[in-house]
Amino acid sequence: MTGPAAASGGAHHSLTRGPATIAYHHTPAGAAGAGKPGVMFLGGFMSDMSGSKALTLEAWAAERGVAFTRFDYQGHGVSSGRFKDGTIGLWADDALAVLDEVTSGPQILVGSSMGGWMMLLTALRRPERVAALVGIAAAPDFTEDLMWDVFDEETRRLILEEGVWNRPTQYSPDPQPLTRALIEEGRDHLLLRGPIPFAGPVRLLHGMEDPDVPWRVSLRIADALTTQDVRIALIKDGDHRLSRDQDLALLCRTLDELLGV
């Protein structure tokens, strides 16, 4: 583990995983948060830990004395590596490493978009460490259901023959490099084809005007989860990011309810 370095959103620390470094911010619990689960934020595809949801939750946690952790997967933000070299399994391992080596005690995992897939995979691998789950437009299985299954034949040919397709995106001036490895390795981590064993409370927030992850995906997640303590909040005019003030307030209220504060 290295010392702090300059980063967007403040100083960060780095966790070493072989040749890779995972950048993270961790705020330990204060006296008011003693005995309460920490909160760990898992960001989305081509996102980073300096977004509005992560920073809002960091401020929320500080006000309540709750431990809080945010991080960048490899190839994202200020972590090492190239985005196009990433896969679902690699990023899931990054999330698990942060849970294991940066946090302590039970955690509430908050997963945004792809981070919703990451939080589910993490909960399956460390059920004893996960107190609850909060999904924000959670997108398990998106590489198959929302990419490969809807791509036309020409796009599939490009991915198979050239190994990558650079898809334009409204969220960045740079295209998203979608690789053959991302698609094929993602099939090793699909979750919605069977039950998802988890015993704790789950809260799913989803905008009904989400153009990227249909809100019915949250219904599929709820149906697949074995826990009975699942609640879905559908925001009729909400988009994919759910980063408006009212959306962030709902997210904070959801966590207050889970923590009993």
Protein backbone atom coordinates (compact mmCIF):
# COMPACT_ATOMS: atom_id res chain seq x y z
CA MET A 1 0.00 0.00 0.00
CA THR A 2 1.47 3.34 -0.98
CA GLY A 3 1.07 6.78 0.50
CA PRO A 4 -1.34 9.51 -0.58
CA ALA A 5 -1.03 11.17 -3.95
CA ALA A 6 -2.77 13.96 -5.79
CA ALA A 7 -6.06 13.02 -7.42
CA SER A 8 -9.30 14.51 -8.56
CA GLY A 9 -11.67 14.60 -5.60
CA GLY A 10 -8.78 14.94 -3.12
CA ALA A 11 -5.81 12.83 -2.04
CA HIS A 12 -6.01 9.10 -2.53
CA HIS A 13 -4.19 5.98 -1.42
CA SER A 14 -3.26 3.03 -3.60
CA LEU A 15 -3.77 -0.65 -2.98
CA THR A 16 -1.30 -2.92 -4.77
CA ARG A 17 -2.61 -5.99 -6.60
CA GLY A 18 0.33 -7.63 -8.34
CA PRO A 19 1.50 -5.17 -10.99
CA ALA A 20 -1.66 -3.07 -10.61
CA THR A 21 -2.58 -0.26 -8.24
CA ILE A 22 -6.15 0.47 -7.19
CA ALA A 23 -6.77 4.04 -6.07
CA TYR A 24 -9.14 4.53 -3.17
CA HIS A 25 -10.38 6.93 -0.50
CA HIS A 26 -11.27 5.60 2.92
CA THR A 27 -12.77 7.52 5.82
CA PRO A 28 -12.77 5.57 9.10
CA ALA A 29 -15.78 5.56 11.39
CA GLY A 30 -16.18 8.26 14.00
CA ALA A 31 -17.61 7.90 17.48
CA ALA A 32 -21.19 8.37 16.22
CA GLY A 33 -20.77 5.51 13.75
CA ALA A 34 -19.33 3.00 16.19
CA GLY A 35 -21.08 -0.34 15.84
CA LYS A 36 -22.73 0.59 12.52
CA PRO A 37 -21.83 -0.95 9.16
CA GLY A 38 -19.53 0.98 6.88
CA VAL A 39 -20.55 1.99 3.37
CA MET A 40 -18.59 1.06 0.24
CA PHE A 41 -19.39 2.64 -3.11
CA LEU A 42 -18.90 0.68 -6.33
CA GLY A 43 -18.97 2.83 -9.45
CA GLY A 44 -20.09 2.18 -12.98
CA PHE A 45 -18.65 1.32 -16.39
CA MET A 46 -16.08 3.97 -17.44
CA SER A 47 -16.98 5.95 -14.31
CA ASP A 48 -14.74 6.91 -11.41
CA MET A 49 -14.81 7.57 -7.69
CA SER A 50 -15.01 11.37 -8.00
CA GLY A 51 -18.60 11.45 -9.29
CA SER A 52 -21.46 13.18 -7.55
CA LYS A 53 -22.96 10.05 -6.00
CA ALA A 54 -19.67 8.95 -4.44
CA LEU A 55 -18.85 12.42 -3.12
CA THR A 56 -22.38 12.97 -1.81
CA LEU A 57 -22.24 9.67 0.07
CA GLU A 58 -18.81 10.53 1.46
CA ALA A 59 -20.19 13.78 2.91
CA TRP A 60 -23.30 11.98 4.17
CA ALA A 61 -21.14 9.35 5.91
CA ALA A 62 -18.89 11.97 7.48
CA GLU A 63 -21.90 13.74 9.00
CA ARG A 64 -22.99 10.48 10.63
CA GLY A 65 -19.57 9.19 11.60
CA VAL A 66 -20.00 6.17 9.33
CA ALA A 67 -16.95 4.59 7.67
CA PHE A 68 -16.94 5.17 3.92
CA THR A 69 -14.87 3.79 1.05
CA ARG A 70 -14.78 4.63 -2.66
CA PHE A 71 -12.33 3.39 -5.27
CA ASP A 72 -11.47 3.14 -8.95
CA TYR A 73 -11.34 -0.19 -10.75
CA GLN A 74 -8.27 -0.88 -12.90
CA GLY A 75 -8.43 1.19 -16.07
CA HIS A 76 -10.78 3.70 -14.40
CA GLY A 77 -10.07 7.08 -12.85
CA VAL A 78 -6.62 7.26 -11.24
CA SER A 79 -6.05 3.52 -10.89
CA SER A 80 -3.46 1.86 -13.10
CA GLY A 81 -4.14 -0.04 -16.29
CA ARG A 82 -6.03 0.51 -19.54
CA PHE A 83 -9.79 0.41 -19.62
CA LYS A 84 -9.87 -1.81 -22.71
CA ASP A 85 -7.86 -4.47 -20.88
CA GLY A 86 -10.54 -4.79 -18.20
CA THR A 87 -13.11 -7.54 -17.75
CA ILE A 88 -15.98 -8.17 -15.35
CA GLY A 89 -13.89 -10.71 -13.44
CA LEU A 90 -10.91 -8.36 -13.13
CA TRP A 91 -13.04 -5.52 -11.81
CA ALA A 92 -14.91 -7.85 -9.45
CA ASP A 93 -11.54 -8.92 -8.05
CA ASP A 94 -10.65 -5.24 -7.55
CA ALA A 95 -13.85 -4.70 -5.56
CA LEU A 96 -13.17 -7.77 -3.45
CA ALA A 97 -9.60 -6.64 -2.76
CA VAL A 98 -10.83 -3.26 -1.53
CA LEU A 99 -13.45 -4.92 0.69
CA ASP A 100 -10.86 -7.31 2.13
CA GLU A 101 -7.90 -5.00 2.55
CA VAL A 102 -9.32 -1.51 3.07
CA THR A 103 -12.57 -1.99 4.97
CA SER A 104 -13.30 -3.81 8.22
CA GLY A 105 -16.47 -5.21 9.68
CA PRO A 106 -19.85 -5.39 7.95
CA GLN A 107 -20.41 -3.13 4.94
CA ILE A 108 -23.38 -1.80 3.03
CA LEU A 109 -22.46 -2.04 -0.64
CA VAL A 110 -23.82 0.71 -2.90
CA GLY A 111 -23.47 -0.22 -6.57
CA SER A 112 -24.20 2.15 -9.45
CA SER A 113 -24.93 0.62 -12.89
CA MET A 114 -22.08 -1.87 -13.48
CA GLY A 115 -21.32 -1.40 -9.78
CA GLY A 116 -24.63 -3.13 -9.10
CA TRP A 117 -23.22 -6.24 -10.77
CA MET A 118 -20.00 -5.83 -8.80
CA MET A 119 -21.85 -5.54 -5.48
CA LEU A 120 -23.81 -8.73 -6.14
CA LEU A 121 -20.67 -10.66 -7.08
CA THR A 122 -18.93 -9.32 -3.96
CA ALA A 123 -21.84 -10.29 -1.73
CA LEU A 124 -21.80 -13.82 -3.12
CA ARG A 125 -18.08 -14.15 -2.37
CA ARG A 126 -18.12 -12.50 1.08
CA PRO A 127 -21.67 -12.92 2.47
CA GLU A 128 -20.42 -12.63 6.05
CA ARG A 129 -19.05 -9.13 5.32
CA VAL A 130 -22.08 -7.66 3.55
CA ALA A 131 -24.84 -6.19 5.71
CA ALA A 132 -27.06 -4.82 2.92
CA LEU A 133 -27.11 -3.88 -0.76
CA VAL A 134 -28.25 -0.67 -2.46
CA GLY A 135 -28.42 -0.72 -6.26
CA ILE A 136 -28.66 2.43 -8.39
CA ALA A 137 -29.76 1.39 -11.89
CA ALA A 138 -28.03 -1.90 -11.10
CA ALA A 139 -26.91 -3.70 -14.26
CA PRO A 140 -25.93 -7.32 -13.68
CA ASP A 141 -25.36 -9.30 -16.89
CA PHE A 142 -25.25 -6.12 -18.99
CA THR A 143 -22.47 -7.38 -21.26
CA GLU A 144 -24.79 -10.13 -22.48
CA ASP A 145 -28.33 -8.77 -22.10
CA LEU A 146 -27.75 -5.09 -22.91
CA MET A 147 -24.80 -5.41 -25.27
CA TRP A 148 -24.27 -8.68 -27.15
CA ASP A 149 -27.95 -9.63 -27.37
CA VAL A 150 -28.90 -6.26 -28.90
CA PHE A 151 -25.90 -5.67 -31.17
CA ASP A 152 -26.47 -6.02 -34.90
CA GLU A 153 -24.56 -8.54 -36.99
CA GLU A 154 -21.98 -6.00 -38.19
CA THR A 155 -21.14 -4.94 -34.64
CA ARG A 156 -20.81 -8.54 -33.54
CA ARG A 157 -18.54 -9.24 -36.52
CA LEU A 158 -16.28 -6.31 -35.62
CA ILE A 159 -15.97 -7.50 -32.03
CA LEU A 160 -15.26 -11.10 -32.99
CA GLU A 161 -12.85 -10.39 -35.83
CA GLU A 162 -11.10 -7.23 -34.68
CA GLY A 163 -11.42 -7.79 -30.93
CA VAL A 164 -12.91 -4.39 -30.13
CA TRP A 165 -15.66 -1.98 -31.14
CA ASN A 166 -15.42 1.66 -30.09
CA ARG A 167 -18.98 2.64 -29.20
CA PRO A 168 -19.85 6.35 -28.99
CA THR A 169 -21.36 7.37 -25.66
CA GLN A 170 -23.23 10.42 -24.43
CA TYR A 171 -21.37 10.28 -21.13
CA SER A 172 -17.87 10.95 -22.48
CA PRO A 173 -16.16 12.56 -25.48
CA ASP A 174 -14.19 9.33 -25.81
CA PRO A 175 -15.88 6.19 -27.17
CA GLN A 176 -16.30 3.07 -25.05
CA PRO A 177 -13.96 0.31 -26.25
CA LEU A 178 -16.08 -2.84 -26.04
CA THR A 179 -13.82 -5.85 -26.39
CA ARG A 180 -14.33 -9.47 -27.25
CA ALA A 181 -12.71 -10.36 -23.92
CA LEU A 182 -15.23 -8.19 -22.03
CA ILE A 183 -18.15 -9.98 -23.66
CA GLU A 184 -16.81 -13.52 -23.50
CA GLU A 185 -15.36 -13.33 -19.98
CA GLY A 186 -18.56 -11.66 -18.77
CA ARG A 187 -20.41 -14.91 -19.46
CA ASP A 188 -18.53 -16.49 -16.56
CA HIS A 189 -20.25 -14.08 -14.14
CA LEU A 190 -23.89 -13.96 -15.28
CA LEU A 191 -26.31 -13.89 -12.32
CA LEU A 192 -29.86 -13.47 -13.61
CA ARG A 193 -30.11 -16.98 -15.04
CA GLY A 194 -30.79 -18.45 -11.60
CA PRO A 195 -31.30 -17.57 -7.93
CA ILE A 196 -28.96 -15.08 -6.26
CA PRO A 197 -28.44 -16.24 -2.67
CA PHE A 198 -28.30 -13.29 -0.30
CA ALA A 199 -29.92 -13.02 3.13
CA GLY A 200 -29.77 -9.30 3.91
CA PRO A 201 -31.88 -6.29 2.96
CA VAL A 202 -31.69 -4.99 -0.60
CA ARG A 203 -32.85 -1.62 -1.91
CA LEU A 204 -33.01 -0.94 -5.65
CA LEU A 205 -33.38 2.59 -7.05
CA HIS A 206 -34.11 2.95 -10.76
CA GLY A 207 -35.17 5.74 -13.09
CA MET A 208 -38.03 4.87 -15.42
CA GLU A 209 -36.53 7.07 -18.14
CA ASP A 210 -33.19 5.26 -17.98
CA PRO A 211 -32.06 4.85 -21.63
CA ASP A 212 -29.23 2.45 -20.79
CA VAL A 213 -30.52 -0.04 -18.23
CA PRO A 214 -34.29 -0.67 -18.42
CA TRP A 215 -35.98 -0.34 -15.05
CA ARG A 216 -37.40 -3.85 -15.42
CA VAL A 217 -33.87 -5.14 -14.77
CA SER A 218 -34.43 -4.19 -11.13
CA LEU A 219 -37.55 -6.36 -11.12
CA ARG A 220 -35.48 -9.27 -12.44
CA ILE A 221 -32.91 -8.72 -9.70
CA ALA A 222 -35.62 -8.67 -7.03
CA ASP A 223 -37.10 -11.88 -8.41
CA ALA A 224 -33.72 -13.64 -8.50
CA LEU A 225 -32.65 -12.66 -4.97
CA THR A 226 -33.45 -15.24 -2.31
CA THR A 227 -33.96 -12.64 0.44
CA GLN A 228 -37.51 -11.47 1.04
CA ASP A 229 -36.35 -8.04 2.22
CA VAL A 230 -36.23 -6.30 -1.16
CA ARG A 231 -37.72 -2.91 -1.96
CA ILE A 232 -37.67 -1.14 -5.32
CA ALA A 233 -38.02 2.63 -5.73
CA LEU A 234 -38.94 3.61 -9.28
CA ILE A 235 -38.36 7.28 -10.11
CA LYS A 236 -40.76 8.08 -12.93
CA ASP A 237 -38.75 10.96 -14.39
CA GLY A 238 -35.36 9.56 -13.37
CA ASP A 239 -32.55 8.95 -15.85
CA HIS A 240 -29.67 6.45 -15.70
CA ARG A 241 -27.35 8.42 -13.46
CA LEU A 242 -29.88 9.46 -10.78
CA SER A 243 -27.56 12.32 -9.82
CA ARG A 244 -30.07 15.14 -9.42
CA ASP A 245 -30.45 16.67 -5.97
CA GLN A 246 -33.72 14.83 -5.35
CA ASP A 247 -32.18 11.53 -6.48
CA LEU A 248 -29.19 11.95 -4.18
CA ALA A 249 -31.52 12.85 -1.31
CA LEU A 250 -33.47 9.63 -1.90
CA LEU A 251 -30.22 7.65 -1.87
CA CYS A 252 -29.19 9.20 1.45
CA ARG A 253 -32.63 8.57 2.97
CA THR A 254 -32.40 4.94 1.84
CA LEU A 255 -29.12 4.52 3.67
CA ASP A 256 -30.46 6.32 6.76
CA GLU A 257 -33.29 3.80 6.87
CA LEU A 258 -30.93 0.84 6.54
CA LEU A 259 -28.69 2.20 9.30
CA GLY A 260 -31.57 3.20 11.54
CA VAL A 261 -30.42 6.83 11.87
